[in-house]
Amino acid sequence: VSQGGPLFKKFKSNLLEFIERLIRGCKHNIIYDEYMMDNVISWLLALSDSQVRAFRHTCTLIGMTLVTSLIDIAKMVQMDLENTERQLETELKKGQAKRAFAKVIIHCHVDMFLH
């Protein structure tokens, strides 16, 4: 990846796109499994310790892409959480309003039938 030329540029973009898609594709389940992330991190640590500069460079690019993708997923999860909390609050308020309305209706009917 650290080499120049059109072949390596295509490889670099494909590799980084693969990492992004892998993380995005795993965002609902396997990303939270320690097995996958432990293996990826072990693999990156092994590459970063290599004597070959190109491997260390590639490892850095993959690591940065991995972290960026994880941050994007964390943002999406946070937004989903906030939306779900707002929906829950709205539904709870609707439920309270319905119960209050039902009580008023019941009291009106009781008043009408007793008087």
N, C-alpha and C. Protein backbone atom coordinates (compact mmCIF):
# COMPACT_ATOMS: atom_id res chain seq x y z
N VAL A 1 0.82 -1.19 0.00
CA VAL A 1 0.00 0.00 0.00
C VAL A 1 0.86 1.25 0.00
N SER A 2 2.03 1.17 0.61
CA SER A 2 2.89 2.35 0.67
C SER A 2 3.62 2.59 -0.65
N GLN A 3 3.55 1.65 -1.57
CA GLN A 3 4.18 1.81 -2.88
C GLN A 3 3.31 2.74 -3.74
N GLY A 4 3.93 3.38 -4.69
CA GLY A 4 3.20 4.24 -5.61
C GLY A 4 2.66 3.45 -6.78
N GLY A 5 2.01 4.16 -7.67
CA GLY A 5 1.51 3.52 -8.88
C GLY A 5 0.03 3.24 -8.82
N PRO A 6 -0.57 3.13 -10.01
CA PRO A 6 -2.03 2.96 -10.07
C PRO A 6 -2.51 1.63 -9.49
N LEU A 7 -1.71 0.58 -9.62
CA LEU A 7 -2.11 -0.73 -9.09
C LEU A 7 -2.25 -0.68 -7.57
N PHE A 8 -1.28 -0.06 -6.92
CA PHE A 8 -1.31 0.00 -5.47
C PHE A 8 -2.34 0.99 -4.95
N LYS A 9 -2.62 2.05 -5.72
CA LYS A 9 -3.68 2.98 -5.32
C LYS A 9 -5.03 2.27 -5.31
N LYS A 10 -5.26 1.46 -6.31
CA LYS A 10 -6.51 0.70 -6.39
C LYS A 10 -6.58 -0.30 -5.24
N PHE A 11 -5.46 -0.95 -4.95
CA PHE A 11 -5.42 -1.90 -3.85
C PHE A 11 -5.70 -1.20 -2.52
N LYS A 12 -5.09 -0.05 -2.33
CA LYS A 12 -5.28 0.72 -1.09
C LYS A 12 -6.75 1.09 -0.91
N SER A 13 -7.36 1.64 -1.94
CA SER A 13 -8.77 2.05 -1.82
C SER A 13 -9.67 0.84 -1.61
N ASN A 14 -9.39 -0.26 -2.29
CA ASN A 14 -10.19 -1.48 -2.11
C ASN A 14 -10.02 -2.07 -0.70
N LEU A 15 -8.81 -2.05 -0.20
CA LEU A 15 -8.55 -2.58 1.14
C LEU A 15 -9.28 -1.76 2.20
N LEU A 16 -9.18 -0.44 2.10
CA LEU A 16 -9.83 0.42 3.09
C LEU A 16 -11.35 0.34 2.98
N GLU A 17 -11.86 0.22 1.76
CA GLU A 17 -13.30 0.05 1.56
C GLU A 17 -13.75 -1.29 2.16
N PHE A 18 -12.93 -2.32 2.01
CA PHE A 18 -13.25 -3.63 2.60
C PHE A 18 -13.37 -3.52 4.12
N ILE A 19 -12.43 -2.85 4.75
CA ILE A 19 -12.46 -2.69 6.20
C ILE A 19 -13.71 -1.93 6.62
N GLU A 20 -14.03 -0.83 5.92
CA GLU A 20 -15.23 -0.04 6.25
C GLU A 20 -16.48 -0.89 6.12
N ARG A 21 -16.59 -1.63 5.03
CA ARG A 21 -17.79 -2.46 4.80
C ARG A 21 -17.87 -3.62 5.80
N LEU A 22 -16.72 -4.17 6.14
CA LEU A 22 -16.70 -5.24 7.13
C LEU A 22 -17.26 -4.75 8.46
N ILE A 23 -16.79 -3.61 8.91
CA ILE A 23 -17.26 -3.07 10.19
C ILE A 23 -18.72 -2.66 10.10
N ARG A 24 -19.10 -2.00 9.02
CA ARG A 24 -20.51 -1.59 8.85
C ARG A 24 -21.43 -2.82 8.78
N GLY A 25 -20.97 -3.86 8.11
CA GLY A 25 -21.78 -5.06 7.98
C GLY A 25 -21.93 -5.83 9.29
N CYS A 26 -21.01 -5.62 10.20
CA CYS A 26 -21.04 -6.33 11.48
C CYS A 26 -21.59 -5.48 12.62
N LYS A 27 -22.13 -4.33 12.30
CA LYS A 27 -22.47 -3.37 13.35
C LYS A 27 -23.57 -3.83 14.30
N HIS A 28 -24.39 -4.78 13.92
CA HIS A 28 -25.48 -5.19 14.79
C HIS A 28 -25.17 -6.41 15.64
N ASN A 29 -24.10 -7.11 15.34
CA ASN A 29 -23.87 -8.32 16.11
C ASN A 29 -22.41 -8.65 16.35
N ILE A 30 -21.70 -9.04 15.33
CA ILE A 30 -20.37 -9.62 15.50
C ILE A 30 -19.34 -8.61 16.01
N ILE A 31 -19.60 -7.34 15.82
CA ILE A 31 -18.65 -6.33 16.29
C ILE A 31 -18.54 -6.35 17.81
N TYR A 32 -19.62 -6.79 18.47
CA TYR A 32 -19.63 -6.83 19.93
C TYR A 32 -19.10 -8.16 20.46
N ASP A 33 -18.81 -9.07 19.55
CA ASP A 33 -18.23 -10.35 19.92
C ASP A 33 -16.73 -10.14 20.09
N GLU A 34 -16.22 -10.50 21.23
CA GLU A 34 -14.80 -10.28 21.51
C GLU A 34 -13.89 -11.06 20.57
N TYR A 35 -14.35 -12.17 20.06
CA TYR A 35 -13.52 -13.03 19.23
C TYR A 35 -13.03 -12.30 17.98
N MET A 36 -13.95 -11.68 17.24
CA MET A 36 -13.56 -11.03 15.99
C MET A 36 -12.61 -9.86 16.25
N MET A 37 -13.01 -8.98 17.16
CA MET A 37 -12.19 -7.80 17.39
C MET A 37 -10.84 -8.18 17.99
N ASP A 38 -10.80 -9.18 18.86
CA ASP A 38 -9.51 -9.63 19.41
C ASP A 38 -8.59 -10.13 18.31
N ASN A 39 -9.14 -10.88 17.36
CA ASN A 39 -8.33 -11.38 16.25
C ASN A 39 -7.85 -10.26 15.34
N VAL A 40 -8.71 -9.32 15.05
CA VAL A 40 -8.32 -8.19 14.19
C VAL A 40 -7.22 -7.39 14.88
N ILE A 41 -7.40 -7.12 16.17
CA ILE A 41 -6.40 -6.35 16.90
C ILE A 41 -5.07 -7.11 16.98
N SER A 42 -5.13 -8.42 17.21
CA SER A 42 -3.90 -9.23 17.24
C SER A 42 -3.19 -9.19 15.90
N TRP A 43 -3.97 -9.27 14.84
CA TRP A 43 -3.41 -9.22 13.49
C TRP A 43 -2.74 -7.86 13.24
N LEU A 44 -3.41 -6.78 13.65
CA LEU A 44 -2.84 -5.45 13.46
C LEU A 44 -1.59 -5.26 14.31
N LEU A 45 -1.59 -5.78 15.53
CA LEU A 45 -0.40 -5.68 16.37
C LEU A 45 0.78 -6.44 15.76
N ALA A 46 0.50 -7.59 15.19
CA ALA A 46 1.57 -8.36 14.53
C ALA A 46 2.12 -7.60 13.33
N LEU A 47 1.23 -7.00 12.56
CA LEU A 47 1.69 -6.20 11.40
C LEU A 47 2.50 -4.98 11.86
N SER A 48 2.07 -4.35 12.94
CA SER A 48 2.75 -3.13 13.39
C SER A 48 4.14 -3.43 13.93
N ASP A 49 4.39 -4.68 14.31
CA ASP A 49 5.68 -5.07 14.85
C ASP A 49 6.62 -5.62 13.77
N SER A 50 6.19 -5.58 12.53
CA SER A 50 6.96 -6.14 11.42
C SER A 50 8.21 -5.31 11.13
N GLN A 51 9.21 -5.97 10.60
CA GLN A 51 10.43 -5.29 10.16
C GLN A 51 10.20 -4.57 8.83
N VAL A 52 9.14 -4.96 8.12
CA VAL A 52 8.87 -4.41 6.80
C VAL A 52 8.03 -3.14 6.96
N ARG A 53 8.59 -2.04 6.48
CA ARG A 53 7.92 -0.74 6.62
C ARG A 53 6.55 -0.74 5.94
N ALA A 54 6.43 -1.39 4.82
CA ALA A 54 5.16 -1.40 4.08
C ALA A 54 4.05 -2.06 4.91
N PHE A 55 4.39 -3.10 5.67
CA PHE A 55 3.39 -3.73 6.54
C PHE A 55 2.97 -2.79 7.66
N ARG A 56 3.95 -2.09 8.24
CA ARG A 56 3.61 -1.14 9.31
C ARG A 56 2.73 -0.02 8.78
N HIS A 57 3.03 0.46 7.59
CA HIS A 57 2.24 1.51 6.96
C HIS A 57 0.82 1.03 6.69
N THR A 58 0.70 -0.16 6.14
CA THR A 58 -0.62 -0.74 5.85
C THR A 58 -1.40 -0.95 7.15
N CYS A 59 -0.71 -1.40 8.17
CA CYS A 59 -1.34 -1.60 9.47
C CYS A 59 -1.89 -0.28 10.01
N THR A 60 -1.14 0.78 9.87
CA THR A 60 -1.59 2.09 10.35
C THR A 60 -2.84 2.54 9.60
N LEU A 61 -2.83 2.38 8.28
CA LEU A 61 -4.01 2.75 7.49
C LEU A 61 -5.24 1.93 7.88
N ILE A 62 -5.04 0.64 8.04
CA ILE A 62 -6.16 -0.22 8.43
C ILE A 62 -6.66 0.16 9.82
N GLY A 63 -5.74 0.40 10.74
CA GLY A 63 -6.12 0.78 12.10
C GLY A 63 -6.91 2.08 12.13
N MET A 64 -6.45 3.07 11.37
CA MET A 64 -7.17 4.35 11.32
C MET A 64 -8.56 4.18 10.70
N THR A 65 -8.66 3.39 9.66
CA THR A 65 -9.94 3.13 9.02
C THR A 65 -10.87 2.37 9.96
N LEU A 66 -10.32 1.41 10.67
CA LEU A 66 -11.09 0.62 11.63
C LEU A 66 -11.66 1.52 12.73
N VAL A 67 -10.82 2.36 13.30
CA VAL A 67 -11.27 3.26 14.37
C VAL A 67 -12.30 4.25 13.84
N THR A 68 -12.08 4.80 12.67
CA THR A 68 -13.04 5.73 12.08
C THR A 68 -14.39 5.05 11.86
N SER A 69 -14.38 3.83 11.37
CA SER A 69 -15.62 3.09 11.15
C SER A 69 -16.32 2.79 12.47
N LEU A 70 -15.55 2.45 13.50
CA LEU A 70 -16.14 2.19 14.81
C LEU A 70 -16.76 3.46 15.40
N ILE A 71 -16.12 4.58 15.19
CA ILE A 71 -16.67 5.86 15.66
C ILE A 71 -17.97 6.17 14.94
N ASP A 72 -18.00 5.94 13.63
CA ASP A 72 -19.24 6.16 12.87
C ASP A 72 -20.37 5.29 13.40
N ILE A 73 -20.06 4.05 13.72
CA ILE A 73 -21.08 3.15 14.26
C ILE A 73 -21.53 3.61 15.64
N ALA A 74 -20.59 4.06 16.45
CA ALA A 74 -20.95 4.56 17.78
C ALA A 74 -21.88 5.76 17.67
N LYS A 75 -21.62 6.63 16.70
CA LYS A 75 -22.52 7.78 16.47
C LYS A 75 -23.91 7.31 16.07
N MET A 76 -23.98 6.33 15.16
CA MET A 76 -25.28 5.81 14.72
C MET A 76 -26.03 5.16 15.87
N VAL A 77 -25.32 4.39 16.69
CA VAL A 77 -25.95 3.73 17.83
C VAL A 77 -26.47 4.78 18.81
N GLN A 78 -25.69 5.83 19.04
CA GLN A 78 -26.12 6.91 19.93
C GLN A 78 -27.37 7.60 19.40
N MET A 79 -27.40 7.87 18.10
CA MET A 79 -28.58 8.50 17.50
C MET A 79 -29.79 7.58 17.60
N ASP A 80 -29.61 6.29 17.35
CA ASP A 80 -30.70 5.33 17.48
C ASP A 80 -31.22 5.28 18.91
N LEU A 81 -30.31 5.32 19.87
CA LEU A 81 -30.70 5.31 21.28
C LEU A 81 -31.52 6.55 21.63
N GLU A 82 -31.06 7.71 21.18
CA GLU A 82 -31.78 8.95 21.45
C GLU A 82 -33.17 8.92 20.82
N ASN A 83 -33.27 8.45 19.58
CA ASN A 83 -34.57 8.35 18.91
C ASN A 83 -35.50 7.40 19.64
N THR A 84 -34.97 6.26 20.06
CA THR A 84 -35.79 5.28 20.78
C THR A 84 -36.25 5.83 22.12
N GLU A 85 -35.38 6.55 22.81
CA GLU A 85 -35.78 7.15 24.08
C GLU A 85 -36.88 8.19 23.88
N ARG A 86 -36.77 9.00 22.83
CA ARG A 86 -37.82 9.99 22.53
C ARG A 86 -39.14 9.29 22.20
N GLN A 87 -39.06 8.23 21.41
CA GLN A 87 -40.28 7.48 21.08
C GLN A 87 -40.91 6.87 22.32
N LEU A 88 -40.09 6.36 23.22
CA LEU A 88 -40.60 5.78 24.46
C LEU A 88 -41.29 6.85 25.31
N GLU A 89 -40.65 8.00 25.44
CA GLU A 89 -41.25 9.09 26.20
C GLU A 89 -42.59 9.51 25.60
N THR A 90 -42.65 9.61 24.28
CA THR A 90 -43.89 9.98 23.59
C THR A 90 -44.98 8.96 23.85
N GLU A 91 -44.62 7.67 23.73
CA GLU A 91 -45.61 6.61 23.96
C GLU A 91 -46.08 6.60 25.41
N LEU A 92 -45.16 6.85 26.34
CA LEU A 92 -45.56 6.90 27.74
C LEU A 92 -46.51 8.05 28.00
N LYS A 93 -46.21 9.20 27.37
CA LYS A 93 -47.10 10.36 27.53
C LYS A 93 -48.47 10.07 26.92
N LYS A 94 -48.47 9.40 25.76
CA LYS A 94 -49.74 9.04 25.12
C LYS A 94 -50.53 8.11 26.04
N GLY A 95 -49.84 7.16 26.64
CA GLY A 95 -50.49 6.22 27.54
C GLY A 95 -51.08 6.93 28.75
N GLN A 96 -50.35 7.89 29.31
CA GLN A 96 -50.85 8.66 30.45
C GLN A 96 -52.06 9.49 30.04
N ALA A 97 -51.98 10.09 28.86
CA ALA A 97 -53.10 10.91 28.38
C ALA A 97 -54.33 10.03 28.14
N LYS A 98 -54.14 8.86 27.58
CA LYS A 98 -55.26 7.95 27.34
C LYS A 98 -55.90 7.51 28.66
N ARG A 99 -55.05 7.20 29.65
CA ARG A 99 -55.59 6.79 30.95
C ARG A 99 -56.34 7.94 31.60
N ALA A 100 -55.80 9.14 31.52
CA ALA A 100 -56.48 10.31 32.10
C ALA A 100 -57.80 10.56 31.39
N PHE A 101 -57.81 10.45 30.07
CA PHE A 101 -59.03 10.65 29.29
C PHE A 101 -60.07 9.58 29.66
N ALA A 102 -59.61 8.35 29.81
CA ALA A 102 -60.52 7.26 30.17
C ALA A 102 -61.12 7.51 31.55
N LYS A 103 -60.34 8.00 32.47
CA LYS A 103 -60.86 8.31 33.81
C LYS A 103 -61.91 9.40 33.75
N VAL A 104 -61.66 10.43 32.94
CA VAL A 104 -62.63 11.52 32.80
C VAL A 104 -63.93 10.99 32.20
N ILE A 105 -63.82 10.17 31.19
CA ILE A 105 -65.02 9.60 30.55
C ILE A 105 -65.78 8.74 31.55
N ILE A 106 -65.08 7.92 32.29
CA ILE A 106 -65.74 7.06 33.28
C ILE A 106 -66.46 7.90 34.32
N HIS A 107 -65.81 8.96 34.81
CA HIS A 107 -66.43 9.83 35.80
C HIS A 107 -67.65 10.53 35.22
N CYS A 108 -67.57 10.96 33.97
CA CYS A 108 -68.72 11.61 33.32
C CYS A 108 -69.89 10.64 33.23
N HIS A 109 -69.61 9.41 32.83
CA HIS A 109 -70.68 8.41 32.70
C HIS A 109 -71.29 8.10 34.07
N VAL A 110 -70.44 7.95 35.07
CA VAL A 110 -70.92 7.68 36.41
C VAL A 110 -71.81 8.83 36.88
N ASP A 111 -71.35 10.07 36.65
CA ASP A 111 -72.14 11.23 37.05
C ASP A 111 -73.47 11.27 36.34
N MET A 112 -73.45 10.94 35.05
CA MET A 112 -74.69 11.00 34.26
C MET A 112 -75.68 9.95 34.74
N PHE A 113 -75.20 8.76 35.06
CA PHE A 113 -76.11 7.68 35.44
C PHE A 113 -76.57 7.80 36.89
N LEU A 114 -75.75 8.40 37.75
CA LEU A 114 -76.14 8.55 39.15
C LEU A 114 -77.07 9.73 39.37
N HIS A 115 -77.05 10.71 38.52
CA HIS A 115 -77.89 11.90 38.73
C HIS A 115 -79.03 11.86 37.81
